[in-house]
Every structure is written in C-alpha cells, then in structure tokens.
Amino acid sequence: MHAEPEDYEKYPTYRVNFWQSGPGQVSFNLEAFVVSGALDVNQVKEWIRDHAAGRSYELFVEVDGTVPDDYRKPRVAALIRIEGRDPNMGEMTEIGRFIPG
C-alpha cells in the first residue's frame, strides 16, 4: 500500500550557487539565487543551463517550505544538496583507517 503524505511541497523552493574563479585565484567566488515557482527540478536545471555561463554550480532544495517573500532577508531554511559541490571545500582525503585487531 502506498500513501501520499498530507503535507508536501507542490512547488518547493530551490537554491542555486554558481561558482567561478578568476586567473590566479585560489578560491572560488559565489553568486547565489533562490528559485521558486518551478514546476519541477527539471525546470530548475533548465534555468541553470540558461544562466550558468560556464560556471560550476550546486543545486539545493529547501526543506522547511517557507515561500520567499523578502529578498533582503537571508534565507535560513535547511538545504538538501541535489547536485554539484562547493569547489572551496577541496578534495576529500583519507587520513587514516581503523582496522580492527
């Protein structure tokens, strides 16, 4: 048996971070957007393709369901990353491994 939850987001709010570095820069610069009113994640990915201009990106969905209303206030909703990564985080490196004796 499959049941849909009573509370779900028909049009969730997404966040997109575009990352870009210039010549000689060690870190990446961020340009962030809130995307609302999209029919589905594919429409958001289409928006990303139209606006990426060669930049790498991260795509998130907000989990609290608040609708953006004042873009002067920082968004504080928890995020789930759908795609991409923050290039400032560097590469993951294994620093050790526990081997039970």
PDB file of N, CA and C in Angstrom:
ATOM      1  N   MET A   1       0.840  -1.173   0.000  1.00  0.00           N
ATOM      2  CA  MET A   1       0.000   0.000   0.000  1.00  0.00           C
ATOM      3  C   MET A   1       0.889   1.241   0.000  1.00  0.00           C
ATOM      4  N   HIS A   2       0.535   2.208  -0.796  1.00  0.00           N
ATOM      5  CA  HIS A   2       1.301   3.453  -0.907  1.00  0.00           C
ATOM      6  C   HIS A   2       0.376   4.624  -0.585  1.00  0.00           C
ATOM      7  N   ALA A   3       0.817   5.469   0.308  1.00  0.00           N
ATOM      8  CA  ALA A   3       0.007   6.638   0.674  1.00  0.00           C
ATOM      9  C   ALA A   3       0.856   7.893   0.549  1.00  0.00           C
ATOM     10  N   GLU A   4       0.281   8.925  -0.013  1.00  0.00           N
ATOM     11  CA  GLU A   4       0.965  10.210  -0.105  1.00  0.00           C
ATOM     12  C   GLU A   4       0.823  10.944   1.218  1.00  0.00           C
ATOM     13  N   PRO A   5       1.879  11.620   1.655  1.00  0.00           N
ATOM     14  CA  PRO A   5       1.754  12.397   2.890  1.00  0.00           C
ATOM     15  C   PRO A   5       0.784  13.560   2.695  1.00  0.00           C
ATOM     16  N   GLU A   6       0.132  13.963   3.770  1.00  0.00           N
ATOM     17  CA  GLU A   6      -0.786  15.106   3.681  1.00  0.00           C
ATOM     18  C   GLU A   6      -0.031  16.404   3.449  1.00  0.00           C
ATOM     19  N   ASP A   7       1.166  16.487   4.006  1.00  0.00           N
ATOM     20  CA  ASP A   7       1.935  17.723   3.933  1.00  0.00           C
ATOM     21  C   ASP A   7       3.125  17.525   2.998  1.00  0.00           C
ATOM     22  N   TYR A   8       3.064  18.135   1.830  1.00  0.00           N
ATOM     23  CA  TYR A   8       4.190  18.104   0.908  1.00  0.00           C
ATOM     24  C   TYR A   8       4.215  19.412   0.139  1.00  0.00           C
ATOM     25  N   GLU A   9       5.361  19.713  -0.440  1.00  0.00           N
ATOM     26  CA  GLU A   9       5.526  20.962  -1.176  1.00  0.00           C
ATOM     27  C   GLU A   9       5.241  20.732  -2.656  1.00  0.00           C
ATOM     28  N   LYS A  10       4.169  21.330  -3.142  1.00  0.00           N
ATOM     29  CA  LYS A  10       3.837  21.203  -4.558  1.00  0.00           C
ATOM     30  C   LYS A  10       4.870  21.931  -5.414  1.00  0.00           C
ATOM     31  N   TYR A  11       5.300  23.108  -4.953  1.00  0.00           N
ATOM     32  CA  TYR A  11       6.309  23.901  -5.656  1.00  0.00           C
ATOM     33  C   TYR A  11       7.413  24.254  -4.660  1.00  0.00           C
ATOM     34  N   PRO A  12       8.363  23.341  -4.428  1.00  0.00           N
ATOM     35  CA  PRO A  12       9.410  23.632  -3.447  1.00  0.00           C
ATOM     36  C   PRO A  12      10.293  24.792  -3.900  1.00  0.00           C
ATOM     37  N   THR A  13      10.976  25.363  -2.939  1.00  0.00           N
ATOM     38  CA  THR A  13      11.929  26.438  -3.210  1.00  0.00           C
ATOM     39  C   THR A  13      13.309  25.813  -3.372  1.00  0.00           C
ATOM     40  N   TYR A  14      14.006  26.234  -4.401  1.00  0.00           N
ATOM     41  CA  TYR A  14      15.348  25.724  -4.696  1.00  0.00           C
ATOM     42  C   TYR A  14      16.361  26.832  -4.482  1.00  0.00           C
ATOM     43  N   ARG A  15      17.584  26.434  -4.243  1.00  0.00           N
ATOM     44  CA  ARG A  15      18.694  27.386  -4.211  1.00  0.00           C
ATOM     45  C   ARG A  15      19.763  26.917  -5.174  1.00  0.00           C
ATOM     46  N   VAL A  16      20.358  27.868  -5.862  1.00  0.00           N
ATOM     47  CA  VAL A  16      21.423  27.580  -6.822  1.00  0.00           C
ATOM     48  C   VAL A  16      22.620  28.446  -6.467  1.00  0.00           C
ATOM     49  N   ASN A  17      23.763  27.797  -6.308  1.00  0.00           N
ATOM     50  CA  ASN A  17      25.024  28.502  -6.106  1.00  0.00           C
ATOM     51  C   ASN A  17      25.865  28.321  -7.357  1.00  0.00           C
ATOM     52  N   PHE A  18      26.232  29.424  -8.003  1.00  0.00           N
ATOM     53  CA  PHE A  18      27.172  29.377  -9.113  1.00  0.00           C
ATOM     54  C   PHE A  18      28.554  29.710  -8.566  1.00  0.00           C
ATOM     55  N   TRP A  19      29.562  28.955  -8.997  1.00  0.00           N
ATOM     56  CA  TRP A  19      30.934  29.133  -8.533  1.00  0.00           C
ATOM     57  C   TRP A  19      31.832  29.470  -9.714  1.00  0.00           C
ATOM     58  N   GLN A  20      32.737  30.451  -9.496  1.00  0.00           N
ATOM     59  CA  GLN A  20      33.660  30.845 -10.558  1.00  0.00           C
ATOM     60  C   GLN A  20      34.933  31.371  -9.929  1.00  0.00           C
ATOM     61  N   SER A  21      36.063  31.056 -10.543  1.00  0.00           N
ATOM     62  CA  SER A  21      37.337  31.625 -10.098  1.00  0.00           C
ATOM     63  C   SER A  21      37.986  32.335 -11.274  1.00  0.00           C
ATOM     64  N   GLY A  22      38.751  33.349 -10.952  1.00  0.00           N
ATOM     65  CA  GLY A  22      39.452  34.102 -11.982  1.00  0.00           C
ATOM     66  C   GLY A  22      40.900  33.655 -12.078  1.00  0.00           C
ATOM     67  N   PRO A  23      41.620  34.188 -13.047  1.00  0.00           N
ATOM     68  CA  PRO A  23      43.031  33.828 -13.198  1.00  0.00           C
ATOM     69  C   PRO A  23      43.814  34.164 -11.919  1.00  0.00           C
ATOM     70  N   GLY A  24      44.584  33.212 -11.460  1.00  0.00           N
ATOM     71  CA  GLY A  24      45.414  33.431 -10.274  1.00  0.00           C
ATOM     72  C   GLY A  24      44.669  33.333  -8.953  1.00  0.00           C
ATOM     73  N   GLN A  25      43.371  33.118  -8.976  1.00  0.00           N
ATOM     74  CA  GLN A  25      42.603  32.998  -7.737  1.00  0.00           C
ATOM     75  C   GLN A  25      42.689  31.576  -7.216  1.00  0.00           C
ATOM     76  N   VAL A  26      42.850  31.458  -5.898  1.00  0.00           N
ATOM     77  CA  VAL A  26      42.899  30.148  -5.273  1.00  0.00           C
ATOM     78  C   VAL A  26      41.492  29.697  -4.890  1.00  0.00           C
ATOM     79  N   SER A  27      40.667  30.642  -4.441  1.00  0.00           N
ATOM     80  CA  SER A  27      39.307  30.296  -4.031  1.00  0.00           C
ATOM     81  C   SER A  27      38.316  30.681  -5.136  1.00  0.00           C
ATOM     82  N   PHE A  28      37.096  30.231  -4.952  1.00  0.00           N
ATOM     83  CA  PHE A  28      36.035  30.482  -5.919  1.00  0.00           C
ATOM     84  C   PHE A  28      35.062  31.523  -5.377  1.00  0.00           C
ATOM     85  N   ASN A  29      34.519  32.348  -6.263  1.00  0.00           N
ATOM     86  CA  ASN A  29      33.508  33.335  -5.894  1.00  0.00           C
ATOM     87  C   ASN A  29      32.122  32.727  -6.067  1.00  0.00           C
ATOM     88  N   LEU A  30      31.203  33.168  -5.205  1.00  0.00           N
ATOM     89  CA  LEU A  30      29.842  32.639  -5.183  1.00  0.00           C
ATOM     90  C   LEU A  30      28.848  33.674  -5.685  1.00  0.00           C
ATOM     91  N   GLU A  31      27.927  33.235  -6.525  1.00  0.00           N
ATOM     92  CA  GLU A  31      26.740  34.007  -6.872  1.00  0.00           C
ATOM     93  C   GLU A  31      25.549  33.091  -6.599  1.00  0.00           C
ATOM     94  N   ALA A  32      24.675  33.485  -5.664  1.00  0.00           N
ATOM     95  CA  ALA A  32      23.609  32.609  -5.176  1.00  0.00           C
ATOM     96  C   ALA A  32      22.238  33.128  -5.599  1.00  0.00           C
ATOM     97  N   PHE A  33      21.334  32.191  -5.872  1.00  0.00           N
ATOM     98  CA  PHE A  33      19.978  32.515  -6.293  1.00  0.00           C
ATOM     99  C   PHE A  33      18.972  31.651  -5.556  1.00  0.00           C
ATOM    100  N   VAL A  34      17.786  32.211  -5.336  1.00  0.00           N
ATOM    101  CA  VAL A  34      16.629  31.467  -4.854  1.00  0.00           C
ATOM    102  C   VAL A  34      15.701  31.315  -6.043  1.00  0.00           C
ATOM    103  N   VAL A  35      15.281  30.077  -6.327  1.00  0.00           N
ATOM    104  CA  VAL A  35      14.400  29.812  -7.461  1.00  0.00           C
ATOM    105  C   VAL A  35      13.093  29.254  -6.905  1.00  0.00           C
ATOM    106  N   SER A  36      11.999  29.956  -7.172  1.00  0.00           N
ATOM    107  CA  SER A  36      10.700  29.497  -6.673  1.00  0.00           C
ATOM    108  C   SER A  36       9.702  29.467  -7.817  1.00  0.00           C
ATOM    109  N   GLY A  37       8.646  28.686  -7.620  1.00  0.00           N
ATOM    110  CA  GLY A  37       7.579  28.602  -8.616  1.00  0.00           C
ATOM    111  C   GLY A  37       7.857  27.648  -9.758  1.00  0.00           C
ATOM    112  N   ALA A  38       8.966  26.896  -9.691  1.00  0.00           N
ATOM    113  CA  ALA A  38       9.268  25.940 -10.759  1.00  0.00           C
ATOM    114  C   ALA A  38       8.317  24.753 -10.684  1.00  0.00           C
ATOM    115  N   LEU A  39       7.947  24.232 -11.831  1.00  0.00           N
ATOM    116  CA  LEU A  39       7.054  23.074 -11.878  1.00  0.00           C
ATOM    117  C   LEU A  39       7.719  21.819 -11.335  1.00  0.00           C
ATOM    118  N   ASP A  40       9.047  21.677 -11.599  1.00  0.00           N
ATOM    119  CA  ASP A  40       9.788  20.515 -11.114  1.00  0.00           C
ATOM    120  C   ASP A  40      11.282  20.811 -11.194  1.00  0.00           C
ATOM    121  N   VAL A  41      12.085  19.871 -10.736  1.00  0.00           N
ATOM    122  CA  VAL A  41      13.535  20.076 -10.710  1.00  0.00           C
ATOM    123  C   VAL A  41      14.104  20.198 -12.121  1.00  0.00           C
ATOM    124  N   ASN A  42      13.480  19.572 -13.097  1.00  0.00           N
ATOM    125  CA  ASN A  42      13.966  19.699 -14.474  1.00  0.00           C
ATOM    126  C   ASN A  42      13.865  21.133 -14.976  1.00  0.00           C
ATOM    127  N   GLN A  43      12.825  21.830 -14.579  1.00  0.00           N
ATOM    128  CA  GLN A  43      12.689  23.233 -14.971  1.00  0.00           C
ATOM    129  C   GLN A  43      13.786  24.074 -14.309  1.00  0.00           C
ATOM    130  N   VAL A  44      14.148  23.750 -13.081  1.00  0.00           N
ATOM    131  CA  VAL A  44      15.238  24.455 -12.398  1.00  0.00           C
ATOM    132  C   VAL A  44      16.563  24.173 -13.103  1.00  0.00           C
ATOM    133  N   LYS A  45      16.789  22.924 -13.490  1.00  0.00           N
ATOM    134  CA  LYS A  45      18.028  22.579 -14.195  1.00  0.00           C
ATOM    135  C   LYS A  45      18.114  23.278 -15.553  1.00  0.00           C
ATOM    136  N   GLU A  46      16.975  23.471 -16.199  1.00  0.00           N
ATOM    137  CA  GLU A  46      16.950  24.236 -17.446  1.00  0.00           C
ATOM    138  C   GLU A  46      17.334  25.697 -17.172  1.00  0.00           C
ATOM    139  N   TRP A  47      16.818  26.257 -16.078  1.00  0.00           N
ATOM    140  CA  TRP A  47      17.176  27.623 -15.692  1.00  0.00           C
ATOM    141  C   TRP A  47      18.681  27.710 -15.434  1.00  0.00           C
ATOM    142  N   ILE A  48      19.232  26.703 -14.783  1.00  0.00           N
ATOM    143  CA  ILE A  48      20.676  26.677 -14.514  1.00  0.00           C
ATOM    144  C   ILE A  48      21.450  26.677 -15.826  1.00  0.00           C
ATOM    145  N   ARG A  49      21.070  25.822 -16.773  1.00  0.00           N
ATOM    146  CA  ARG A  49      21.763  25.781 -18.074  1.00  0.00           C
ATOM    147  C   ARG A  49      21.719  27.144 -18.754  1.00  0.00           C
ATOM    148  N   ASP A  50      20.607  27.846 -18.635  1.00  0.00           N
ATOM    149  CA  ASP A  50      20.462  29.155 -19.277  1.00  0.00           C
ATOM    150  C   ASP A  50      21.289  30.241 -18.600  1.00  0.00           C
ATOM    151  N   HIS A  51      21.654  30.058 -17.320  1.00  0.00           N
ATOM    152  CA  HIS A  51      22.332  31.110 -16.565  1.00  0.00           C
ATOM    153  C   HIS A  51      23.740  30.758 -16.090  1.00  0.00           C
ATOM    154  N   ALA A  52      24.193  29.552 -16.317  1.00  0.00           N
ATOM    155  CA  ALA A  52      25.486  29.118 -15.772  1.00  0.00           C
ATOM    156  C   ALA A  52      26.669  29.848 -16.398  1.00  0.00           C
ATOM    157  N   ALA A  53      26.622  30.149 -17.666  1.00  0.00           N
ATOM    158  CA  ALA A  53      27.715  30.851 -18.351  1.00  0.00           C
ATOM    159  C   ALA A  53      29.067  30.195 -18.077  1.00  0.00           C
ATOM    160  N   GLY A  54      29.095  28.867 -18.116  1.00  0.00           N
ATOM    161  CA  GLY A  54      30.351  28.143 -17.936  1.00  0.00           C
ATOM    162  C   GLY A  54      30.770  27.912 -16.497  1.00  0.00           C
ATOM    163  N   ARG A  55      29.993  28.416 -15.556  1.00  0.00           N
ATOM    164  CA  ARG A  55      30.352  28.258 -14.146  1.00  0.00           C
ATOM    165  C   ARG A  55      29.885  26.903 -13.620  1.00  0.00           C
ATOM    166  N   SER A  56      30.591  26.390 -12.617  1.00  0.00           N
ATOM    167  CA  SER A  56      30.101  25.200 -11.933  1.00  0.00           C
ATOM    168  C   SER A  56      29.000  25.632 -10.977  1.00  0.00           C
ATOM    169  N   TYR A  57      28.231  24.667 -10.477  1.00  0.00           N
ATOM    170  CA  TYR A  57      27.090  25.037  -9.640  1.00  0.00           C
ATOM    171  C   TYR A  57      26.779  23.957  -8.621  1.00  0.00           C
ATOM    172  N   GLU A  58      25.992  24.359  -7.622  1.00  0.00           N
ATOM    173  CA  GLU A  58      25.358  23.448  -6.678  1.00  0.00           C
ATOM    174  C   GLU A  58      23.869  23.727  -6.735  1.00  0.00           C
ATOM    175  N   LEU A  59      23.069  22.667  -6.643  1.00  0.00           N
ATOM    176  CA  LEU A  59      21.614  22.788  -6.639  1.00  0.00           C
ATOM    177  C   LEU A  59      21.087  22.169  -5.349  1.00  0.00           C
ATOM    178  N   PHE A  60      20.278  22.945  -4.623  1.00  0.00           N
ATOM    179  CA  PHE A  60      19.693  22.517  -3.361  1.00  0.00           C
ATOM    180  C   PHE A  60      18.178  22.667  -3.410  1.00  0.00           C
ATOM    181  N   VAL A  61      17.490  21.916  -2.567  1.00  0.00           N
ATOM    182  CA  VAL A  61      16.078  22.144  -2.307  1.00  0.00           C
ATOM    183  C   VAL A  61      15.953  22.491  -0.834  1.00  0.00           C
ATOM    184  N   GLU A  62      15.108  23.498  -0.530  1.00  0.00           N
ATOM    185  CA  GLU A  62      14.866  23.875   0.863  1.00  0.00           C
ATOM    186  C   GLU A  62      13.885  22.890   1.480  1.00  0.00           C
ATOM    187  N   VAL A  63      14.066  22.598   2.769  1.00  0.00           N
ATOM    188  CA  VAL A  63      13.217  21.590   3.402  1.00  0.00           C
ATOM    189  C   VAL A  63      12.149  22.161   4.320  1.00  0.00           C
ATOM    190  N   ASP A  64      12.118  23.452   4.565  1.00  0.00           N
ATOM    191  CA  ASP A  64      11.127  23.956   5.525  1.00  0.00           C
ATOM    192  C   ASP A  64       9.846  24.479   4.888  1.00  0.00           C
ATOM    193  N   GLY A  65       9.803  24.658   3.591  1.00  0.00           N
ATOM    194  CA  GLY A  65       8.568  25.026   2.918  1.00  0.00           C
ATOM    195  C   GLY A  65       8.159  26.484   3.011  1.00  0.00           C
ATOM    196  N   THR A  66       9.040  27.373   3.482  1.00  0.00           N
ATOM    197  CA  THR A  66       8.670  28.788   3.516  1.00  0.00           C
ATOM    198  C   THR A  66       8.818  29.384   2.120  1.00  0.00           C
ATOM    199  N   VAL A  67       7.899  30.237   1.793  1.00  0.00           N
ATOM    200  CA  VAL A  67       7.905  30.886   0.481  1.00  0.00           C
ATOM    201  C   VAL A  67       8.754  32.154   0.555  1.00  0.00           C
ATOM    202  N   PRO A  68       9.663  32.359  -0.411  1.00  0.00           N
ATOM    203  CA  PRO A  68      10.452  33.594  -0.398  1.00  0.00           C
ATOM    204  C   PRO A  68       9.536  34.810  -0.509  1.00  0.00           C
ATOM    205  N   ASP A  69       9.723  35.782   0.400  1.00  0.00           N
ATOM    206  CA  ASP A  69       8.874  36.969   0.330  1.00  0.00           C
ATOM    207  C   ASP A  69       9.666  38.266   0.428  1.00  0.00           C
ATOM    208  N   ASP A  70      10.821  38.231   1.045  1.00  0.00           N
ATOM    209  CA  ASP A  70      11.628  39.441   1.173  1.00  0.00           C
ATOM    210  C   ASP A  70      13.078  39.060   0.900  1.00  0.00           C
ATOM    211  N   TYR A  71      13.570  39.441  -0.260  1.00  0.00           N
ATOM    212  CA  TYR A  71      14.908  39.029  -0.672  1.00  0.00           C
ATOM    213  C   TYR A  71      16.014  39.809   0.031  1.00  0.00           C
ATOM    214  N   ARG A  72      15.641  40.748   0.907  1.00  0.00           N
ATOM    215  CA  ARG A  72      16.647  41.453   1.705  1.00  0.00           C
ATOM    216  C   ARG A  72      17.014  40.663   2.948  1.00  0.00           C
ATOM    217  N   LYS A  73      16.177  39.675   3.309  1.00  0.00           N
ATOM    218  CA  LYS A  73      16.442  38.844   4.479  1.00  0.00           C
ATOM    219  C   LYS A  73      17.176  37.570   4.044  1.00  0.00           C
ATOM    220  N   PRO A  74      18.182  37.162   4.816  1.00  0.00           N
ATOM    221  CA  PRO A  74      18.870  35.906   4.476  1.00  0.00           C
ATOM    222  C   PRO A  74      17.926  34.717   4.604  1.00  0.00           C
ATOM    223  N   ARG A  75      18.071  33.752   3.722  1.00  0.00           N
ATOM    224  CA  ARG A  75      17.312  32.503   3.812  1.00  0.00           C
ATOM    225  C   ARG A  75      17.978  31.634   4.869  1.00  0.00           C
ATOM    226  N   VAL A  76      17.186  31.025   5.732  1.00  0.00           N
ATOM    227  CA  VAL A  76      17.738  30.219   6.825  1.00  0.00           C
ATOM    228  C   VAL A  76      17.247  28.773   6.797  1.00  0.00           C
ATOM    229  N   ALA A  77      16.530  28.392   5.772  1.00  0.00           N
ATOM    230  CA  ALA A  77      15.992  27.034   5.679  1.00  0.00           C
ATOM    231  C   ALA A  77      17.123  26.021   5.535  1.00  0.00           C
ATOM    232  N   ALA A  78      16.911  24.834   6.095  1.00  0.00           N
ATOM    233  CA  ALA A  78      17.846  23.735   5.876  1.00  0.00           C
ATOM    234  C   ALA A  78      17.801  23.341   4.401  1.00  0.00           C
ATOM    235  N   LEU A  79      18.917  22.838   3.905  1.00  0.00           N
ATOM    236  CA  LEU A  79      19.032  22.502   2.487  1.00  0.00           C
ATOM    237  C   LEU A  79      19.413  21.041   2.296  1.00  0.00           C
ATOM    238  N   ILE A  80      18.938  20.477   1.198  1.00  0.00           N
ATOM    239  CA  ILE A  80      19.396  19.165   0.747  1.00  0.00           C
ATOM    240  C   ILE A  80      20.043  19.369  -0.612  1.00  0.00           C
ATOM    241  N   ARG A  81      21.322  18.998  -0.714  1.00  0.00           N
ATOM    242  CA  ARG A  81      22.015  19.150  -1.998  1.00  0.00           C
ATOM    243  C   ARG A  81      21.510  18.068  -2.953  1.00  0.00           C
ATOM    244  N   ILE A  82      21.119  18.497  -4.146  1.00  0.00           N
ATOM    245  CA  ILE A  82      20.653  17.583  -5.188  1.00  0.00           C
ATOM    246  C   ILE A  82      21.787  17.271  -6.159  1.00  0.00           C
ATOM    247  N   GLU A  83      22.588  18.298  -6.443  1.00  0.00           N
ATOM    248  CA  GLU A  83      23.627  18.155  -7.458  1.00  0.00           C
ATOM    249  C   GLU A  83      24.747  19.138  -7.187  1.00  0.00           C
ATOM    250  N   GLY A  84      25.955  18.787  -7.614  1.00  0.00           N
ATOM    251  CA  GLY A  84      27.091  19.692  -7.551  1.00  0.00           C
ATOM    252  C   GLY A  84      27.849  19.608  -6.241  1.00  0.00           C
ATOM    253  N   ARG A  85      28.872  20.469  -6.131  1.00  0.00           N
ATOM    254  CA  ARG A  85      29.678  20.535  -4.916  1.00  0.00           C
ATOM    255  C   ARG A  85      30.304  21.915  -4.801  1.00  0.00           C
ATOM    256  N   ASP A  86      30.672  22.276  -3.575  1.00  0.00           N
ATOM    257  CA  ASP A  86      31.345  23.545  -3.303  1.00  0.00           C
ATOM    258  C   ASP A  86      32.822  23.362  -3.615  1.00  0.00           C
ATOM    259  N   PRO A  87      33.350  24.040  -4.639  1.00  0.00           N
ATOM    260  CA  PRO A  87      34.755  23.835  -5.009  1.00  0.00           C
ATOM    261  C   PRO A  87      35.729  24.362  -3.956  1.00  0.00           C
ATOM    262  N   ASN A  88      35.285  25.205  -3.042  1.00  0.00           N
ATOM    263  CA  ASN A  88      36.157  25.692  -1.982  1.00  0.00           C
ATOM    264  C   ASN A  88      36.421  24.634  -0.914  1.00  0.00           C
ATOM    265  N   MET A  89      35.635  23.549  -0.943  1.00  0.00           N
ATOM    266  CA  MET A  89      35.795  22.505   0.066  1.00  0.00           C
ATOM    267  C   MET A  89      37.016  21.632  -0.198  1.00  0.00           C
ATOM    268  N   GLY A  90      37.566  21.662  -1.387  1.00  0.00           N
ATOM    269  CA  GLY A  90      38.738  20.847  -1.698  1.00  0.00           C
ATOM    270  C   GLY A  90      38.371  19.390  -1.931  1.00  0.00           C
ATOM    271  N   GLU A  91      39.397  18.605  -2.108  1.00  0.00           N
ATOM    272  CA  GLU A  91      39.204  17.177  -2.352  1.00  0.00           C
ATOM    273  C   GLU A  91      39.201  16.425  -1.031  1.00  0.00           C
ATOM    274  N   MET A  92      38.379  15.378  -0.946  1.00  0.00           N
ATOM    275  CA  MET A  92      38.354  14.536   0.243  1.00  0.00           C
ATOM    276  C   MET A  92      39.614  13.673   0.241  1.00  0.00           C
ATOM    277  N   THR A  93      40.240  13.574   1.389  1.00  0.00           N
ATOM    278  CA  THR A  93      41.450  12.787   1.539  1.00  0.00           C
ATOM    279  C   THR A  93      41.304  11.857   2.725  1.00  0.00           C
ATOM    280  N   GLU A  94      41.636  10.616   2.536  1.00  0.00           N
ATOM    281  CA  GLU A  94      41.590   9.665   3.642  1.00  0.00           C
ATOM    282  C   GLU A  94      42.797   9.920   4.526  1.00  0.00           C
ATOM    283  N   ILE A  95      42.566  10.159   5.823  1.00  0.00           N
ATOM    284  CA  ILE A  95      43.678  10.436   6.725  1.00  0.00           C
ATOM    285  C   ILE A  95      44.032   9.243   7.610  1.00  0.00           C
ATOM    286  N   GLY A  96      43.272   8.217   7.515  1.00  0.00           N
ATOM    287  CA  GLY A  96      43.556   7.023   8.295  1.00  0.00           C
ATOM    288  C   GLY A  96      42.435   6.024   8.165  1.00  0.00           C
ATOM    289  N   ARG A  97      42.700   4.821   8.588  1.00  0.00           N
ATOM    290  CA  ARG A  97      41.681   3.777   8.509  1.00  0.00           C
ATOM    291  C   ARG A  97      41.816   2.903   9.726  1.00  0.00           C
ATOM    292  N   PHE A  98      40.690   2.669  10.363  1.00  0.00           N
ATOM    293  CA  PHE A  98      40.665   1.794  11.538  1.00  0.00           C
ATOM    294  C   PHE A  98      40.567   0.348  11.057  1.00  0.00           C
ATOM    295  N   ILE A  99      41.501  -0.453  11.499  1.00  0.00           N
ATOM    296  CA  ILE A  99      41.470  -1.870  11.169  1.00  0.00           C
ATOM    297  C   ILE A  99      41.372  -2.634  12.493  1.00  0.00           C
ATOM    298  N   PRO A 100      40.223  -3.259  12.713  1.00  0.00           N
ATOM    299  CA  PRO A 100      40.062  -3.974  13.976  1.00  0.00           C
ATOM    300  C   PRO A 100      41.080  -5.092  14.103  1.00  0.00           C
ATOM    301  N   GLY A 101      41.625  -5.234  15.323  1.00  0.00           N
ATOM    302  CA  GLY A 101      42.677  -6.192  15.563  1.00  0.00           C
ATOM    303  C   GLY A 101      42.169  -7.461  15.995  1.00  0.00           C
TER     304      GLY A 101
END
